[in-house]
Structures are given as C-alpha cells and as structure tokens.
Amino acid sequence: MRAFAYPKGGQINEHGLLELVEFSVSANPETIRVLAKFMLAAADKMESMGNRFGHLHAQDEIESWKDHWPDLVICGEVTNES
C-alpha cells in the first residue's frame, strides 16, 4: 500500500502536520477492506468514548500491517476551522 496527498497549505502544528485537500490510497481490494474494517471499528470506539477518544493508529490495531506501509491515524473531528 502507498499513500499520496496534496497539502492545503503550510503546517498547522508544531509536529509538521499538514491539512490536505485530497489524499489517495494505492492498494489491492483486500487491503482496502482491512482499512475499511479498521475505520468502522474506530468510528464505533469514537462514538462509545465520546470526548475521551484520542486517536488510533492502524499499525497498532491491525495485525497484518506491513512495516513499509504509511500509518493511518484516526482522531476525533477538528471543529475549529480557520
């Protein structure tokens, strides 16, 4: 799996995080299904934990995750738009 993105502008925090206007995932159908399953489970956890939800890393949650894949991190919604 590979991931590609187009940044919206400069970094938005001290860690170098960028807001994106688009991101693309290049993967086979099996990997896309694994990602979808992870994202659905993350949504359930987010819903059950409410404001206590921090973030989840796919590389920590998916046993079959490959070391050379980019990590997918699911975090709570950012609501303060600029």
N, C-alpha and C. Protein backbone atom coordinates (compact mmCIF):
# COMPACT_ATOMS: atom_id res chain seq x y z
N MET A 1 0.84 -1.17 0.00
CA MET A 1 0.00 0.00 0.00
C MET A 1 0.89 1.23 0.00
N ARG A 2 0.42 2.24 -0.70
CA ARG A 2 1.09 3.53 -0.71
C ARG A 2 0.03 4.61 -0.54
N ALA A 3 0.44 5.77 -0.05
CA ALA A 3 -0.49 6.89 0.13
C ALA A 3 0.14 8.14 -0.47
N PHE A 4 -0.71 8.97 -1.04
CA PHE A 4 -0.27 10.21 -1.67
C PHE A 4 -1.23 11.32 -1.24
N ALA A 5 -0.76 12.57 -1.23
CA ALA A 5 -1.63 13.65 -0.79
C ALA A 5 -1.23 14.98 -1.41
N TYR A 6 -2.20 15.89 -1.43
CA TYR A 6 -1.97 17.27 -1.84
C TYR A 6 -2.21 18.16 -0.62
N PRO A 7 -1.19 18.86 -0.14
CA PRO A 7 -1.39 19.73 1.02
C PRO A 7 -2.21 20.97 0.68
N LYS A 8 -2.97 21.43 1.67
CA LYS A 8 -3.78 22.64 1.50
C LYS A 8 -2.94 23.89 1.71
N GLY A 9 -1.97 23.81 2.58
CA GLY A 9 -1.13 24.97 2.89
C GLY A 9 0.04 24.52 3.73
N GLY A 10 0.52 25.41 4.57
CA GLY A 10 1.64 25.09 5.44
C GLY A 10 1.22 24.25 6.63
N GLN A 11 2.20 23.88 7.44
CA GLN A 11 1.93 23.03 8.59
C GLN A 11 0.99 23.74 9.55
N ILE A 12 0.17 22.93 10.28
CA ILE A 12 -0.82 23.50 11.18
C ILE A 12 -0.48 23.32 12.65
N ASN A 13 0.61 22.61 12.95
CA ASN A 13 1.04 22.49 14.35
C ASN A 13 2.54 22.29 14.42
N GLU A 14 3.05 22.21 15.64
CA GLU A 14 4.49 22.10 15.85
C GLU A 14 5.07 20.77 15.39
N HIS A 15 4.22 19.79 15.11
CA HIS A 15 4.69 18.48 14.66
C HIS A 15 4.83 18.40 13.14
N GLY A 16 4.47 19.46 12.43
CA GLY A 16 4.59 19.48 10.98
C GLY A 16 3.37 18.93 10.26
N LEU A 17 2.27 18.71 10.98
CA LEU A 17 1.05 18.19 10.38
C LEU A 17 0.52 19.15 9.33
N LEU A 18 0.07 18.61 8.21
CA LEU A 18 -0.48 19.40 7.12
C LEU A 18 -1.95 19.05 6.92
N GLU A 19 -2.78 20.05 6.63
CA GLU A 19 -4.15 19.79 6.24
C GLU A 19 -4.14 19.47 4.75
N LEU A 20 -4.94 18.50 4.33
CA LEU A 20 -4.94 18.05 2.94
C LEU A 20 -6.22 18.44 2.23
N VAL A 21 -6.12 18.64 0.93
CA VAL A 21 -7.30 18.83 0.10
C VAL A 21 -7.70 17.52 -0.56
N GLU A 22 -6.77 16.59 -0.59
CA GLU A 22 -7.04 15.27 -1.19
C GLU A 22 -5.98 14.30 -0.70
N PHE A 23 -6.39 13.04 -0.52
CA PHE A 23 -5.40 12.00 -0.29
C PHE A 23 -5.83 10.77 -1.07
N SER A 24 -4.86 10.02 -1.52
CA SER A 24 -5.12 8.83 -2.33
C SER A 24 -4.43 7.64 -1.71
N VAL A 25 -5.10 6.50 -1.75
CA VAL A 25 -4.53 5.25 -1.26
C VAL A 25 -4.42 4.31 -2.45
N SER A 26 -3.24 3.79 -2.67
CA SER A 26 -3.00 2.83 -3.74
C SER A 26 -2.81 1.46 -3.08
N ALA A 27 -3.80 0.58 -3.25
CA ALA A 27 -3.76 -0.73 -2.58
C ALA A 27 -4.66 -1.71 -3.30
N ASN A 28 -4.52 -2.98 -2.95
CA ASN A 28 -5.38 -4.01 -3.53
C ASN A 28 -6.70 -4.07 -2.76
N PRO A 29 -7.72 -4.75 -3.30
CA PRO A 29 -9.03 -4.80 -2.64
C PRO A 29 -8.99 -5.34 -1.21
N GLU A 30 -8.16 -6.34 -0.96
CA GLU A 30 -8.06 -6.91 0.39
C GLU A 30 -7.59 -5.86 1.40
N THR A 31 -6.58 -5.08 1.02
CA THR A 31 -6.06 -4.04 1.91
C THR A 31 -7.10 -2.95 2.14
N ILE A 32 -7.83 -2.57 1.10
CA ILE A 32 -8.89 -1.56 1.25
C ILE A 32 -9.95 -2.07 2.22
N ARG A 33 -10.30 -3.34 2.15
CA ARG A 33 -11.27 -3.91 3.09
C ARG A 33 -10.75 -3.89 4.53
N VAL A 34 -9.45 -4.17 4.71
CA VAL A 34 -8.84 -4.11 6.04
C VAL A 34 -8.91 -2.68 6.57
N LEU A 35 -8.60 -1.70 5.73
CA LEU A 35 -8.69 -0.30 6.14
C LEU A 35 -10.12 0.08 6.51
N ALA A 36 -11.07 -0.36 5.70
CA ALA A 36 -12.48 -0.05 5.96
C ALA A 36 -12.92 -0.65 7.30
N LYS A 37 -12.53 -1.88 7.56
CA LYS A 37 -12.87 -2.54 8.82
C LYS A 37 -12.28 -1.76 10.00
N PHE A 38 -11.02 -1.34 9.87
CA PHE A 38 -10.37 -0.56 10.92
C PHE A 38 -11.10 0.76 11.14
N MET A 39 -11.47 1.43 10.07
CA MET A 39 -12.14 2.72 10.19
C MET A 39 -13.52 2.59 10.82
N LEU A 40 -14.25 1.53 10.49
CA LEU A 40 -15.55 1.29 11.11
C LEU A 40 -15.40 1.01 12.60
N ALA A 41 -14.40 0.20 12.97
CA ALA A 41 -14.14 -0.09 14.39
C ALA A 41 -13.74 1.18 15.13
N ALA A 42 -12.93 2.03 14.48
CA ALA A 42 -12.52 3.29 15.09
C ALA A 42 -13.73 4.20 15.31
N ALA A 43 -14.65 4.24 14.36
CA ALA A 43 -15.86 5.05 14.50
C ALA A 43 -16.70 4.56 15.67
N ASP A 44 -16.82 3.25 15.83
CA ASP A 44 -17.56 2.69 16.96
C ASP A 44 -16.91 3.08 18.29
N LYS A 45 -15.59 2.97 18.35
CA LYS A 45 -14.86 3.32 19.57
C LYS A 45 -14.99 4.82 19.86
N MET A 46 -14.89 5.63 18.81
CA MET A 46 -15.03 7.08 18.95
C MET A 46 -16.41 7.42 19.52
N GLU A 47 -17.43 6.77 18.98
CA GLU A 47 -18.80 7.00 19.42
C GLU A 47 -19.00 6.59 20.88
N SER A 48 -18.45 5.45 21.25
CA SER A 48 -18.64 4.95 22.62
C SER A 48 -17.84 5.74 23.64
N MET A 49 -16.70 6.29 23.25
CA MET A 49 -15.85 7.03 24.18
C MET A 49 -16.16 8.52 24.23
N GLY A 50 -16.83 9.03 23.22
CA GLY A 50 -17.15 10.45 23.19
C GLY A 50 -15.90 11.31 23.21
N ASN A 51 -15.90 12.34 24.05
CA ASN A 51 -14.78 13.28 24.12
C ASN A 51 -13.50 12.66 24.68
N ARG A 52 -13.59 11.48 25.26
CA ARG A 52 -12.40 10.81 25.80
C ARG A 52 -11.57 10.13 24.72
N PHE A 53 -12.13 10.02 23.51
CA PHE A 53 -11.41 9.38 22.41
C PHE A 53 -10.24 10.25 21.98
N GLY A 54 -9.07 9.66 21.89
CA GLY A 54 -7.89 10.40 21.44
C GLY A 54 -7.60 10.10 19.99
N HIS A 55 -6.92 8.99 19.73
CA HIS A 55 -6.63 8.59 18.36
C HIS A 55 -6.23 7.11 18.34
N LEU A 56 -6.32 6.52 17.17
CA LEU A 56 -5.92 5.12 16.95
C LEU A 56 -5.00 5.05 15.75
N HIS A 57 -3.95 4.26 15.86
CA HIS A 57 -3.02 4.01 14.76
C HIS A 57 -3.34 2.66 14.14
N ALA A 58 -3.52 2.63 12.83
CA ALA A 58 -3.78 1.36 12.14
C ALA A 58 -2.63 0.38 12.37
N GLN A 59 -1.40 0.87 12.37
CA GLN A 59 -0.25 -0.03 12.53
C GLN A 59 -0.26 -0.72 13.89
N ASP A 60 -0.92 -0.12 14.89
CA ASP A 60 -1.02 -0.74 16.21
C ASP A 60 -2.23 -1.66 16.33
N GLU A 61 -3.24 -1.44 15.52
CA GLU A 61 -4.50 -2.17 15.65
C GLU A 61 -4.65 -3.33 14.67
N ILE A 62 -3.93 -3.29 13.55
CA ILE A 62 -4.10 -4.30 12.51
C ILE A 62 -2.89 -5.23 12.52
N GLU A 63 -3.13 -6.48 12.85
CA GLU A 63 -2.05 -7.45 12.99
C GLU A 63 -1.26 -7.66 11.70
N SER A 64 -1.93 -7.57 10.56
CA SER A 64 -1.28 -7.83 9.28
C SER A 64 -0.60 -6.58 8.69
N TRP A 65 -0.52 -5.48 9.45
CA TRP A 65 0.06 -4.24 8.95
C TRP A 65 1.52 -4.45 8.59
N LYS A 66 1.92 -3.95 7.44
CA LYS A 66 3.30 -4.08 6.97
C LYS A 66 4.13 -2.90 7.44
N ASP A 67 5.37 -3.16 7.83
CA ASP A 67 6.25 -2.10 8.33
C ASP A 67 6.50 -0.99 7.31
N HIS A 68 6.47 -1.33 6.03
CA HIS A 68 6.76 -0.33 5.00
C HIS A 68 5.53 0.48 4.58
N TRP A 69 4.35 0.16 5.12
CA TRP A 69 3.15 0.93 4.80
C TRP A 69 3.12 2.22 5.61
N PRO A 70 2.56 3.29 5.04
CA PRO A 70 2.36 4.50 5.84
C PRO A 70 1.27 4.24 6.88
N ASP A 71 1.41 4.80 8.07
CA ASP A 71 0.42 4.59 9.11
C ASP A 71 -0.83 5.41 8.81
N LEU A 72 -1.98 4.89 9.20
CA LEU A 72 -3.24 5.62 9.12
C LEU A 72 -3.67 5.90 10.55
N VAL A 73 -3.87 7.16 10.89
CA VAL A 73 -4.26 7.55 12.24
C VAL A 73 -5.66 8.14 12.19
N ILE A 74 -6.55 7.59 13.01
CA ILE A 74 -7.90 8.11 13.12
C ILE A 74 -7.97 8.91 14.42
N CYS A 75 -8.40 10.18 14.31
CA CYS A 75 -8.52 11.02 15.50
C CYS A 75 -9.88 11.71 15.47
N GLY A 76 -10.25 12.28 16.60
CA GLY A 76 -11.53 12.98 16.69
C GLY A 76 -11.58 14.17 15.74
N GLU A 77 -12.79 14.57 15.42
CA GLU A 77 -13.00 15.66 14.47
C GLU A 77 -12.45 16.98 15.00
N VAL A 78 -11.77 17.71 14.15
CA VAL A 78 -11.30 19.06 14.48
C VAL A 78 -12.42 20.01 14.07
N THR A 79 -12.92 20.77 15.02
CA THR A 79 -14.09 21.60 14.73
C THR A 79 -13.79 23.08 14.55
N ASN A 80 -12.60 23.53 14.91
CA ASN A 80 -12.28 24.96 14.75
C ASN A 80 -11.65 25.21 13.39
N GLU A 81 -12.46 25.67 12.46
CA GLU A 81 -11.97 25.96 11.11
C GLU A 81 -11.46 27.38 11.04
N SER A 82 -10.41 27.57 10.24
CA SER A 82 -9.88 28.93 10.08
C SER A 82 -10.25 29.48 8.73
